[in-house]
mmCIF file of all heavy atoms, coordinates in Angstrom:
data_MODEL
# 
_entry.id   MODEL 
# 
loop_
_atom_site.group_PDB 
_atom_site.id 
_atom_site.type_symbol 
_atom_site.label_atom_id 
_atom_site.label_alt_id 
_atom_site.label_comp_id 
_atom_site.label_asym_id 
_atom_site.label_entity_id 
_atom_site.label_seq_id 
_atom_site.pdbx_PDB_ins_code 
_atom_site.Cartn_x 
_atom_site.Cartn_y 
_atom_site.Cartn_z 
_atom_site.occupancy 
_atom_site.B_iso_or_equiv 
_atom_site.pdbx_formal_charge 
_atom_site.auth_seq_id 
_atom_site.auth_comp_id 
_atom_site.auth_asym_id 
_atom_site.auth_atom_id 
_atom_site.pdbx_PDB_model_num 
ATOM 1   N N   . PRO A 1 1  ? 0.806  -1.229 0.000   1.00 0.00 ? 1  PRO A N   1 
ATOM 2   C CA  . PRO A 1 1  ? 0.000  0.000  0.000   1.00 0.00 ? 1  PRO A CA  1 
ATOM 3   C C   . PRO A 1 1  ? 0.844  1.287  0.000   1.00 0.00 ? 1  PRO A C   1 
ATOM 4   O O   . PRO A 1 1  ? 0.398  2.316  -0.509  1.00 0.00 ? 1  PRO A O   1 
ATOM 5   C CB  . PRO A 1 1  ? -0.830 -0.120 1.285   1.00 0.00 ? 1  PRO A CB  1 
ATOM 6   C CG  . PRO A 1 1  ? -0.120 -1.128 2.127   1.00 0.00 ? 1  PRO A CG  1 
ATOM 7   C CD  . PRO A 1 1  ? 0.534  -2.071 1.177   1.00 0.00 ? 1  PRO A CD  1 
ATOM 8   N N   . GLU A 1 2  ? 2.053  1.249  0.556   1.00 0.00 ? 2  GLU A N   1 
ATOM 9   C CA  . GLU A 1 2  ? 2.896  2.451  0.594   1.00 0.00 ? 2  GLU A CA  1 
ATOM 10  C C   . GLU A 1 2  ? 3.813  2.551  -0.624  1.00 0.00 ? 2  GLU A C   1 
ATOM 11  O O   . GLU A 1 2  ? 4.589  3.504  -0.744  1.00 0.00 ? 2  GLU A O   1 
ATOM 12  C CB  . GLU A 1 2  ? 3.740  2.465  1.868   1.00 0.00 ? 2  GLU A CB  1 
ATOM 13  C CG  . GLU A 1 2  ? 2.896  2.589  3.142   1.00 0.00 ? 2  GLU A CG  1 
ATOM 14  C CD  . GLU A 1 2  ? 3.758  2.628  4.386   1.00 0.00 ? 2  GLU A CD  1 
ATOM 15  O OE1 . GLU A 1 2  ? 5.007  2.504  4.255   1.00 0.00 ? 2  GLU A OE1 1 
ATOM 16  O OE2 . GLU A 1 2  ? 3.215  2.798  5.478   1.00 0.00 ? 2  GLU A OE2 1 
ATOM 17  N N   . ASN A 1 3  ? 3.735  1.568  -1.506  1.00 0.00 ? 3  ASN A N   1 
ATOM 18  C CA  . ASN A 1 3  ? 4.525  1.548  -2.730  1.00 0.00 ? 3  ASN A CA  1 
ATOM 19  C C   . ASN A 1 3  ? 6.025  1.601  -2.447  1.00 0.00 ? 3  ASN A C   1 
ATOM 20  O O   . ASN A 1 3  ? 6.795  2.202  -3.194  1.00 0.00 ? 3  ASN A O   1 
ATOM 21  C CB  . ASN A 1 3  ? 4.130  2.719  -3.654  1.00 0.00 ? 3  ASN A CB  1 
ATOM 22  C CG  . ASN A 1 3  ? 4.662  2.529  -5.069  1.00 0.00 ? 3  ASN A CG  1 
ATOM 23  O OD1 . ASN A 1 3  ? 4.704  1.416  -5.591  1.00 0.00 ? 3  ASN A OD1 1 
ATOM 24  N ND2 . ASN A 1 3  ? 5.081  3.623  -5.692  1.00 0.00 ? 3  ASN A ND2 1 
ATOM 25  N N   . ARG A 1 4  ? 6.465  0.943  -1.390  1.00 0.00 ? 4  ARG A N   1 
ATOM 26  C CA  . ARG A 1 4  ? 7.895  0.907  -1.086  1.00 0.00 ? 4  ARG A CA  1 
ATOM 27  C C   . ARG A 1 4  ? 8.651  0.078  -2.134  1.00 0.00 ? 4  ARG A C   1 
ATOM 28  O O   . ARG A 1 4  ? 9.835  0.320  -2.369  1.00 0.00 ? 4  ARG A O   1 
ATOM 29  C CB  . ARG A 1 4  ? 8.133  0.299  0.306   1.00 0.00 ? 4  ARG A CB  1 
ATOM 30  C CG  . ARG A 1 4  ? 7.648  1.137  1.475   1.00 0.00 ? 4  ARG A CG  1 
ATOM 31  C CD  . ARG A 1 4  ? 8.369  2.473  1.574   1.00 0.00 ? 4  ARG A CD  1 
ATOM 32  N NE  . ARG A 1 4  ? 9.827  2.378  1.547   1.00 0.00 ? 4  ARG A NE  1 
ATOM 33  C CZ  . ARG A 1 4  ? 10.584 2.065  2.595   1.00 0.00 ? 4  ARG A CZ  1 
ATOM 34  N NH1 . ARG A 1 4  ? 10.011 1.821  3.771   1.00 0.00 ? 4  ARG A NH1 1 
ATOM 35  N NH2 . ARG A 1 4  ? 11.906 2.016  2.491   1.00 0.00 ? 4  ARG A NH2 1 
ATOM 36  N N   . LEU A 1 5  ? 7.974  -0.863 -2.751  1.00 0.00 ? 5  LEU A N   1 
ATOM 37  C CA  . LEU A 1 5  ? 8.634  -1.726 -3.732  1.00 0.00 ? 5  LEU A CA  1 
ATOM 38  C C   . LEU A 1 5  ? 8.594  -1.166 -5.150  1.00 0.00 ? 5  LEU A C   1 
ATOM 39  O O   . LEU A 1 5  ? 9.083  -1.793 -6.085  1.00 0.00 ? 5  LEU A O   1 
ATOM 40  C CB  . LEU A 1 5  ? 8.009  -3.126 -3.695  1.00 0.00 ? 5  LEU A CB  1 
ATOM 41  C CG  . LEU A 1 5  ? 8.069  -3.811 -2.327  1.00 0.00 ? 5  LEU A CG  1 
ATOM 42  C CD1 . LEU A 1 5  ? 7.416  -5.177 -2.385  1.00 0.00 ? 5  LEU A CD1 1 
ATOM 43  C CD2 . LEU A 1 5  ? 9.513  -3.942 -1.849  1.00 0.00 ? 5  LEU A CD2 1 
ATOM 44  N N   . LEU A 1 6  ? 7.953  0.008  -5.311  1.00 0.00 ? 6  LEU A N   1 
ATOM 45  C CA  . LEU A 1 6  ? 7.983  0.762  -6.564  1.00 0.00 ? 6  LEU A CA  1 
ATOM 46  C C   . LEU A 1 6  ? 7.362  0.018  -7.743  1.00 0.00 ? 6  LEU A C   1 
ATOM 47  O O   . LEU A 1 6  ? 7.933  -0.062 -8.830  1.00 0.00 ? 6  LEU A O   1 
ATOM 48  C CB  . LEU A 1 6  ? 9.423  1.169  -6.905  1.00 0.00 ? 6  LEU A CB  1 
ATOM 49  C CG  . LEU A 1 6  ? 10.105 2.065  -5.861  1.00 0.00 ? 6  LEU A CG  1 
ATOM 50  C CD1 . LEU A 1 6  ? 11.567 2.287  -6.221  1.00 0.00 ? 6  LEU A CD1 1 
ATOM 51  C CD2 . LEU A 1 6  ? 9.390  3.391  -5.725  1.00 0.00 ? 6  LEU A CD2 1 
ATOM 52  N N   . ALA A 1 7  ? 6.170  -0.518 -7.526  1.00 0.00 ? 7  ALA A N   1 
ATOM 53  C CA  . ALA A 1 7  ? 5.429  -1.113 -8.640  1.00 0.00 ? 7  ALA A CA  1 
ATOM 54  C C   . ALA A 1 7  ? 4.873  -0.030 -9.559  1.00 0.00 ? 7  ALA A C   1 
ATOM 55  O O   . ALA A 1 7  ? 4.458  -0.315 -10.687 1.00 0.00 ? 7  ALA A O   1 
ATOM 56  C CB  . ALA A 1 7  ? 4.283  -1.970 -8.102  1.00 0.00 ? 7  ALA A CB  1 
ATOM 57  N N   . ARG A 1 8  ? 4.831  1.200  -9.102  1.00 0.00 ? 8  ARG A N   1 
ATOM 58  C CA  . ARG A 1 8  ? 4.380  2.357  -9.891  1.00 0.00 ? 8  ARG A CA  1 
ATOM 59  C C   . ARG A 1 8  ? 5.201  3.562  -9.436  1.00 0.00 ? 8  ARG A C   1 
ATOM 60  O O   . ARG A 1 8  ? 5.951  3.487  -8.472  1.00 0.00 ? 8  ARG A O   1 
ATOM 61  C CB  . ARG A 1 8  ? 2.881  2.620  -9.651  1.00 0.00 ? 8  ARG A CB  1 
ATOM 62  C CG  . ARG A 1 8  ? 2.545  2.845  -8.181  1.00 0.00 ? 8  ARG A CG  1 
ATOM 63  C CD  . ARG A 1 8  ? 1.084  3.141  -7.945  1.00 0.00 ? 8  ARG A CD  1 
ATOM 64  N NE  . ARG A 1 8  ? 0.753  3.142  -6.528  1.00 0.00 ? 8  ARG A NE  1 
ATOM 65  C CZ  . ARG A 1 8  ? 0.987  4.152  -5.688  1.00 0.00 ? 8  ARG A CZ  1 
ATOM 66  N NH1 . ARG A 1 8  ? 1.567  5.252  -6.141  1.00 0.00 ? 8  ARG A NH1 1 
ATOM 67  N NH2 . ARG A 1 8  ? 0.671  4.052  -4.414  1.00 0.00 ? 8  ARG A NH2 1 
ATOM 68  N N   . MET A 1 9  ? 5.028  4.669  -10.166 1.00 0.00 ? 9  MET A N   1 
ATOM 69  C CA  . MET A 1 9  ? 5.695  5.907  -9.750  1.00 0.00 ? 9  MET A CA  1 
ATOM 70  C C   . MET A 1 9  ? 4.822  6.604  -8.709  1.00 0.00 ? 9  MET A C   1 
ATOM 71  O O   . MET A 1 9  ? 3.589  6.557  -8.793  1.00 0.00 ? 9  MET A O   1 
ATOM 72  C CB  . MET A 1 9  ? 5.916  6.823  -10.956 1.00 0.00 ? 9  MET A CB  1 
ATOM 73  C CG  . MET A 1 9  ? 6.753  8.043  -10.657 1.00 0.00 ? 9  MET A CG  1 
ATOM 74  S SD  . MET A 1 9  ? 8.376  7.601  -9.994  1.00 0.00 ? 9  MET A SD  1 
ATOM 75  C CE  . MET A 1 9  ? 9.118  9.213  -9.791  1.00 0.00 ? 9  MET A CE  1 
ATOM 76  N N   . ASN A 1 10 ? 5.454  7.219  -7.737  1.00 0.00 ? 10 ASN A N   1 
ATOM 77  C CA  . ASN A 1 10 ? 4.701  7.948  -6.727  1.00 0.00 ? 10 ASN A CA  1 
ATOM 78  C C   . ASN A 1 10 ? 4.193  9.279  -7.268  1.00 0.00 ? 10 ASN A C   1 
ATOM 79  O O   . ASN A 1 10 ? 4.896  9.962  -8.020  1.00 0.00 ? 10 ASN A O   1 
ATOM 80  C CB  . ASN A 1 10 ? 5.594  8.240  -5.508  1.00 0.00 ? 10 ASN A CB  1 
ATOM 81  C CG  . ASN A 1 10 ? 5.967  6.989  -4.760  1.00 0.00 ? 10 ASN A CG  1 
ATOM 82  O OD1 . ASN A 1 10 ? 5.114  6.186  -4.400  1.00 0.00 ? 10 ASN A OD1 1 
ATOM 83  N ND2 . ASN A 1 10 ? 7.262  6.792  -4.539  1.00 0.00 ? 10 ASN A ND2 1 
ATOM 84  N N   . VAL A 1 11 ? 2.974  9.616  -6.875  1.00 0.00 ? 11 VAL A N   1 
ATOM 85  C CA  . VAL A 1 11 ? 2.480  10.960 -7.148  1.00 0.00 ? 11 VAL A CA  1 
ATOM 86  C C   . VAL A 1 11 ? 3.212  11.908 -6.210  1.00 0.00 ? 11 VAL A C   1 
ATOM 87  O O   . VAL A 1 11 ? 3.344  11.635 -5.015  1.00 0.00 ? 11 VAL A O   1 
ATOM 88  C CB  . VAL A 1 11 ? 0.954  11.046 -6.933  1.00 0.00 ? 11 VAL A CB  1 
ATOM 89  C CG1 . VAL A 1 11 ? 0.469  12.475 -7.121  1.00 0.00 ? 11 VAL A CG1 1 
ATOM 90  C CG2 . VAL A 1 11 ? 0.246  10.106 -7.893  1.00 0.00 ? 11 VAL A CG2 1 
ATOM 91  N N   . ARG A 1 12 ? 3.690  13.024 -6.736  1.00 0.00 ? 12 ARG A N   1 
ATOM 92  C CA  . ARG A 1 12 ? 4.517  13.927 -5.938  1.00 0.00 ? 12 ARG A CA  1 
ATOM 93  C C   . ARG A 1 12 ? 3.799  15.245 -5.690  1.00 0.00 ? 12 ARG A C   1 
ATOM 94  O O   . ARG A 1 12 ? 3.161  15.794 -6.581  1.00 0.00 ? 12 ARG A O   1 
ATOM 95  C CB  . ARG A 1 12 ? 5.836  14.214 -6.672  1.00 0.00 ? 12 ARG A CB  1 
ATOM 96  C CG  . ARG A 1 12 ? 6.642  12.973 -7.024  1.00 0.00 ? 12 ARG A CG  1 
ATOM 97  C CD  . ARG A 1 12 ? 7.289  12.344 -5.816  1.00 0.00 ? 12 ARG A CD  1 
ATOM 98  N NE  . ARG A 1 12 ? 8.119  13.317 -5.110  1.00 0.00 ? 12 ARG A NE  1 
ATOM 99  C CZ  . ARG A 1 12 ? 9.348  13.691 -5.505  1.00 0.00 ? 12 ARG A CZ  1 
ATOM 100 N NH1 . ARG A 1 12 ? 9.860  13.155 -6.590  1.00 0.00 ? 12 ARG A NH1 1 
ATOM 101 N NH2 . ARG A 1 12 ? 10.029 14.571 -4.812  1.00 0.00 ? 12 ARG A NH2 1 
ATOM 102 N N   . ARG A 1 13 ? 3.960  15.773 -4.492  1.00 0.00 ? 13 ARG A N   1 
ATOM 103 C CA  . ARG A 1 13 ? 3.494  17.133 -4.206  1.00 0.00 ? 13 ARG A CA  1 
ATOM 104 C C   . ARG A 1 13 ? 4.558  18.133 -4.677  1.00 0.00 ? 13 ARG A C   1 
ATOM 105 O O   . ARG A 1 13 ? 5.743  17.859 -4.601  1.00 0.00 ? 13 ARG A O   1 
ATOM 106 C CB  . ARG A 1 13 ? 3.283  17.336 -2.706  1.00 0.00 ? 13 ARG A CB  1 
ATOM 107 C CG  . ARG A 1 13 ? 2.073  16.632 -2.139  1.00 0.00 ? 13 ARG A CG  1 
ATOM 108 C CD  . ARG A 1 13 ? 1.951  16.964 -0.661  1.00 0.00 ? 13 ARG A CD  1 
ATOM 109 N NE  . ARG A 1 13 ? 0.824  16.305 -0.048  1.00 0.00 ? 13 ARG A NE  1 
ATOM 110 C CZ  . ARG A 1 13 ? -0.418 16.800 -0.014  1.00 0.00 ? 13 ARG A CZ  1 
ATOM 111 N NH1 . ARG A 1 13 ? -0.660 17.971 -0.572  1.00 0.00 ? 13 ARG A NH1 1 
ATOM 112 N NH2 . ARG A 1 13 ? -1.393 16.141 0.555   1.00 0.00 ? 13 ARG A NH2 1 
ATOM 113 N N   . LEU A 1 14 ? 4.123  19.291 -5.146  1.00 0.00 ? 14 LEU A N   1 
ATOM 114 C CA  . LEU A 1 14 ? 5.070  20.358 -5.415  1.00 0.00 ? 14 LEU A CA  1 
ATOM 115 C C   . LEU A 1 14 ? 5.623  20.856 -4.086  1.00 0.00 ? 14 LEU A C   1 
ATOM 116 O O   . LEU A 1 14 ? 4.878  21.016 -3.121  1.00 0.00 ? 14 LEU A O   1 
ATOM 117 C CB  . LEU A 1 14 ? 4.384  21.522 -6.139  1.00 0.00 ? 14 LEU A CB  1 
ATOM 118 C CG  . LEU A 1 14 ? 4.219  21.441 -7.649  1.00 0.00 ? 14 LEU A CG  1 
ATOM 119 C CD1 . LEU A 1 14 ? 3.542  22.699 -8.159  1.00 0.00 ? 14 LEU A CD1 1 
ATOM 120 C CD2 . LEU A 1 14 ? 5.548  21.253 -8.348  1.00 0.00 ? 14 LEU A CD2 1 
ATOM 121 N N   . ASP A 1 15 ? 6.923  21.114 -4.028  1.00 0.00 ? 15 ASP A N   1 
ATOM 122 C CA  . ASP A 1 15 ? 7.479  21.653 -2.796  1.00 0.00 ? 15 ASP A CA  1 
ATOM 123 C C   . ASP A 1 15 ? 7.346  23.180 -2.786  1.00 0.00 ? 15 ASP A C   1 
ATOM 124 O O   . ASP A 1 15 ? 6.908  23.800 -3.760  1.00 0.00 ? 15 ASP A O   1 
ATOM 125 C CB  . ASP A 1 15 ? 8.941  21.218 -2.617  1.00 0.00 ? 15 ASP A CB  1 
ATOM 126 C CG  . ASP A 1 15 ? 9.819  21.605 -3.792  1.00 0.00 ? 15 ASP A CG  1 
ATOM 127 O OD1 . ASP A 1 15 ? 9.476  22.564 -4.499  1.00 0.00 ? 15 ASP A OD1 1 
ATOM 128 O OD2 . ASP A 1 15 ? 10.854 20.950 -3.996  1.00 0.00 ? 15 ASP A OD2 1 
ATOM 129 N N   . ALA A 1 16 ? 7.720  23.788 -1.670  1.00 0.00 ? 16 ALA A N   1 
ATOM 130 C CA  . ALA A 1 16 ? 7.507  25.223 -1.479  1.00 0.00 ? 16 ALA A CA  1 
ATOM 131 C C   . ALA A 1 16 ? 8.244  26.047 -2.538  1.00 0.00 ? 16 ALA A C   1 
ATOM 132 O O   . ALA A 1 16 ? 7.699  27.034 -3.056  1.00 0.00 ? 16 ALA A O   1 
ATOM 133 C CB  . ALA A 1 16 ? 7.968  25.628 -0.076  1.00 0.00 ? 16 ALA A CB  1 
ATOM 134 N N   . GLU A 1 17 ? 9.488  25.650 -2.871  1.00 0.00 ? 17 GLU A N   1 
ATOM 135 C CA  . GLU A 1 17 ? 10.248 26.422 -3.842  1.00 0.00 ? 17 GLU A CA  1 
ATOM 136 C C   . GLU A 1 17 ? 9.584  26.403 -5.216  1.00 0.00 ? 17 GLU A C   1 
ATOM 137 O O   . GLU A 1 17 ? 9.542  27.415 -5.921  1.00 0.00 ? 17 GLU A O   1 
ATOM 138 C CB  . GLU A 1 17 ? 11.684 25.877 -3.954  1.00 0.00 ? 17 GLU A CB  1 
ATOM 139 C CG  . GLU A 1 17 ? 12.558 26.172 -2.754  1.00 0.00 ? 17 GLU A CG  1 
ATOM 140 C CD  . GLU A 1 17 ? 12.414 25.121 -1.671  1.00 0.00 ? 17 GLU A CD  1 
ATOM 141 O OE1 . GLU A 1 17 ? 11.540 24.241 -1.804  1.00 0.00 ? 17 GLU A OE1 1 
ATOM 142 O OE2 . GLU A 1 17 ? 13.174 25.180 -0.687  1.00 0.00 ? 17 GLU A OE2 1 
ATOM 143 N N   . SER A 1 18 ? 9.055  25.243 -5.600  1.00 0.00 ? 18 SER A N   1 
ATOM 144 C CA  . SER A 1 18 ? 8.416  25.137 -6.917  1.00 0.00 ? 18 SER A CA  1 
ATOM 145 C C   . SER A 1 18 ? 7.137  25.971 -6.978  1.00 0.00 ? 18 SER A C   1 
ATOM 146 O O   . SER A 1 18 ? 6.846  26.601 -8.001  1.00 0.00 ? 18 SER A O   1 
ATOM 147 C CB  . SER A 1 18 ? 8.103  23.667 -7.232  1.00 0.00 ? 18 SER A CB  1 
ATOM 148 O OG  . SER A 1 18 ? 9.281  22.901 -7.228  1.00 0.00 ? 18 SER A OG  1 
ATOM 149 N N   . ILE A 1 19 ? 6.380  25.963 -5.887  1.00 0.00 ? 19 ILE A N   1 
ATOM 150 C CA  . ILE A 1 19 ? 5.145  26.772 -5.849  1.00 0.00 ? 19 ILE A CA  1 
ATOM 151 C C   . ILE A 1 19 ? 5.512  28.251 -5.943  1.00 0.00 ? 19 ILE A C   1 
ATOM 152 O O   . ILE A 1 19 ? 4.889  29.024 -6.688  1.00 0.00 ? 19 ILE A O   1 
ATOM 153 C CB  . ILE A 1 19 ? 4.352  26.473 -4.560  1.00 0.00 ? 19 ILE A CB  1 
ATOM 154 C CG1 . ILE A 1 19 ? 3.834  25.031 -4.590  1.00 0.00 ? 19 ILE A CG1 1 
ATOM 155 C CG2 . ILE A 1 19 ? 3.204  27.455 -4.398  1.00 0.00 ? 19 ILE A CG2 1 
ATOM 156 C CD1 . ILE A 1 19 ? 3.205  24.572 -3.298  1.00 0.00 ? 19 ILE A CD1 1 
ATOM 157 N N   . ARG A 1 20 ? 6.538  28.643 -5.164  1.00 0.00 ? 20 ARG A N   1 
ATOM 158 C CA  . ARG A 1 20 ? 6.967  30.048 -5.188  1.00 0.00 ? 20 ARG A CA  1 
ATOM 159 C C   . ARG A 1 20 ? 7.404  30.450 -6.599  1.00 0.00 ? 20 ARG A C   1 
ATOM 160 O O   . ARG A 1 20 ? 7.015  31.507 -7.111  1.00 0.00 ? 20 ARG A O   1 
ATOM 161 C CB  . ARG A 1 20 ? 8.114  30.246 -4.201  1.00 0.00 ? 20 ARG A CB  1 
ATOM 162 C CG  . ARG A 1 20 ? 8.744  31.630 -4.241  1.00 0.00 ? 20 ARG A CG  1 
ATOM 163 C CD  . ARG A 1 20 ? 9.958  31.694 -3.324  1.00 0.00 ? 20 ARG A CD  1 
ATOM 164 N NE  . ARG A 1 20 ? 10.585 32.998 -3.338  1.00 0.00 ? 20 ARG A NE  1 
ATOM 165 C CZ  . ARG A 1 20 ? 11.475 33.395 -4.226  1.00 0.00 ? 20 ARG A CZ  1 
ATOM 166 N NH1 . ARG A 1 20 ? 11.831 32.574 -5.210  1.00 0.00 ? 20 ARG A NH1 1 
ATOM 167 N NH2 . ARG A 1 20 ? 12.018 34.600 -4.166  1.00 0.00 ? 20 ARG A NH2 1 
ATOM 168 N N   . ASP A 1 21 ? 8.240  29.602 -7.231  1.00 0.00 ? 21 ASP A N   1 
ATOM 169 C CA  . ASP A 1 21 ? 8.718  29.926 -8.573  1.00 0.00 ? 21 ASP A CA  1 
ATOM 170 C C   . ASP A 1 21 ? 7.573  29.988 -9.582  1.00 0.00 ? 21 ASP A C   1 
ATOM 171 O O   . ASP A 1 21 ? 7.597  30.809 -10.510 1.00 0.00 ? 21 ASP A O   1 
ATOM 172 C CB  . ASP A 1 21 ? 9.746  28.888 -9.031  1.00 0.00 ? 21 ASP A CB  1 
ATOM 173 C CG  . ASP A 1 21 ? 11.103 29.096 -8.368  1.00 0.00 ? 21 ASP A CG  1 
ATOM 174 O OD1 . ASP A 1 21 ? 11.237 30.073 -7.595  1.00 0.00 ? 21 ASP A OD1 1 
ATOM 175 O OD2 . ASP A 1 21 ? 12.015 28.292 -8.610  1.00 0.00 ? 21 ASP A OD2 1 
ATOM 176 N N   . ALA A 1 22 ? 6.584  29.114 -9.419  1.00 0.00 ? 22 ALA A N   1 
ATOM 177 C CA  . ALA A 1 22 ? 5.430  29.125 -10.333 1.00 0.00 ? 22 ALA A CA  1 
ATOM 178 C C   . ALA A 1 22 ? 4.668  30.442 -10.226 1.00 0.00 ? 22 ALA A C   1 
ATOM 179 O O   . ALA A 1 22 ? 4.251  31.028 -11.230 1.00 0.00 ? 22 ALA A O   1 
ATOM 180 C CB  . ALA A 1 22 ? 4.508  27.942 -10.025 1.00 0.00 ? 22 ALA A CB  1 
ATOM 181 N N   . ILE A 1 23 ? 4.498  30.918 -8.988  1.00 0.00 ? 23 ILE A N   1 
ATOM 182 C CA  . ILE A 1 23 ? 3.805  32.197 -8.777  1.00 0.00 ? 23 ILE A CA  1 
ATOM 183 C C   . ILE A 1 23 ? 4.597  33.338 -9.410  1.00 0.00 ? 23 ILE A C   1 
ATOM 184 O O   . ILE A 1 23 ? 4.044  34.211 -10.093 1.00 0.00 ? 23 ILE A O   1 
ATOM 185 C CB  . ILE A 1 23 ? 3.596  32.453 -7.263  1.00 0.00 ? 23 ILE A CB  1 
ATOM 186 C CG1 . ILE A 1 23 ? 2.615  31.425 -6.689  1.00 0.00 ? 23 ILE A CG1 1 
ATOM 187 C CG2 . ILE A 1 23 ? 3.089  33.871 -7.008  1.00 0.00 ? 23 ILE A CG2 1 
ATOM 188 C CD1 . ILE A 1 23 ? 2.527  31.443 -5.177  1.00 0.00 ? 23 ILE A CD1 1 
ATOM 189 N N   . LEU A 1 24 ? 5.907  33.330 -9.197  1.00 0.00 ? 24 LEU A N   1 
ATOM 190 C CA  . LEU A 1 24 ? 6.738  34.385 -9.765  1.00 0.00 ? 24 LEU A CA  1 
ATOM 191 C C   . LEU A 1 24 ? 6.758  34.316 -11.293 1.00 0.00 ? 24 LEU A C   1 
ATOM 192 O O   . LEU A 1 24 ? 6.790  35.353 -11.974 1.00 0.00 ? 24 LEU A O   1 
ATOM 193 C CB  . LEU A 1 24 ? 8.163  34.274 -9.220  1.00 0.00 ? 24 LEU A CB  1 
ATOM 194 C CG  . LEU A 1 24 ? 8.335  34.585 -7.728  1.00 0.00 ? 24 LEU A CG  1 
ATOM 195 C CD1 . LEU A 1 24 ? 9.768  34.308 -7.288  1.00 0.00 ? 24 LEU A CD1 1 
ATOM 196 C CD2 . LEU A 1 24 ? 7.971  36.034 -7.433  1.00 0.00 ? 24 LEU A CD2 1 
ATOM 197 N N   . LEU A 1 25 ? 6.718  33.097 -11.837 1.00 0.00 ? 25 LEU A N   1 
ATOM 198 C CA  . LEU A 1 25 ? 6.760  32.944 -13.287 1.00 0.00 ? 25 LEU A CA  1 
ATOM 199 C C   . LEU A 1 25 ? 5.519  33.544 -13.943 1.00 0.00 ? 25 LEU A C   1 
ATOM 200 O O   . LEU A 1 25 ? 5.617  34.312 -14.901 1.00 0.00 ? 25 LEU A O   1 
ATOM 201 C CB  . LEU A 1 25 ? 6.892  31.460 -13.660 1.00 0.00 ? 25 LEU A CB  1 
ATOM 202 C CG  . LEU A 1 25 ? 6.946  31.173 -15.165 1.00 0.00 ? 25 LEU A CG  1 
ATOM 203 C CD1 . LEU A 1 25 ? 8.241  31.705 -15.759 1.00 0.00 ? 25 LEU A CD1 1 
ATOM 204 C CD2 . LEU A 1 25 ? 6.818  29.684 -15.443 1.00 0.00 ? 25 LEU A CD2 1 
# 
């Protein structure tokens, strides 16, 4: 259930820097 064995790619949250850069962009 936690996908530790990587049968698929994990969905990722944007981190703070990426959100900030997106706003500035």
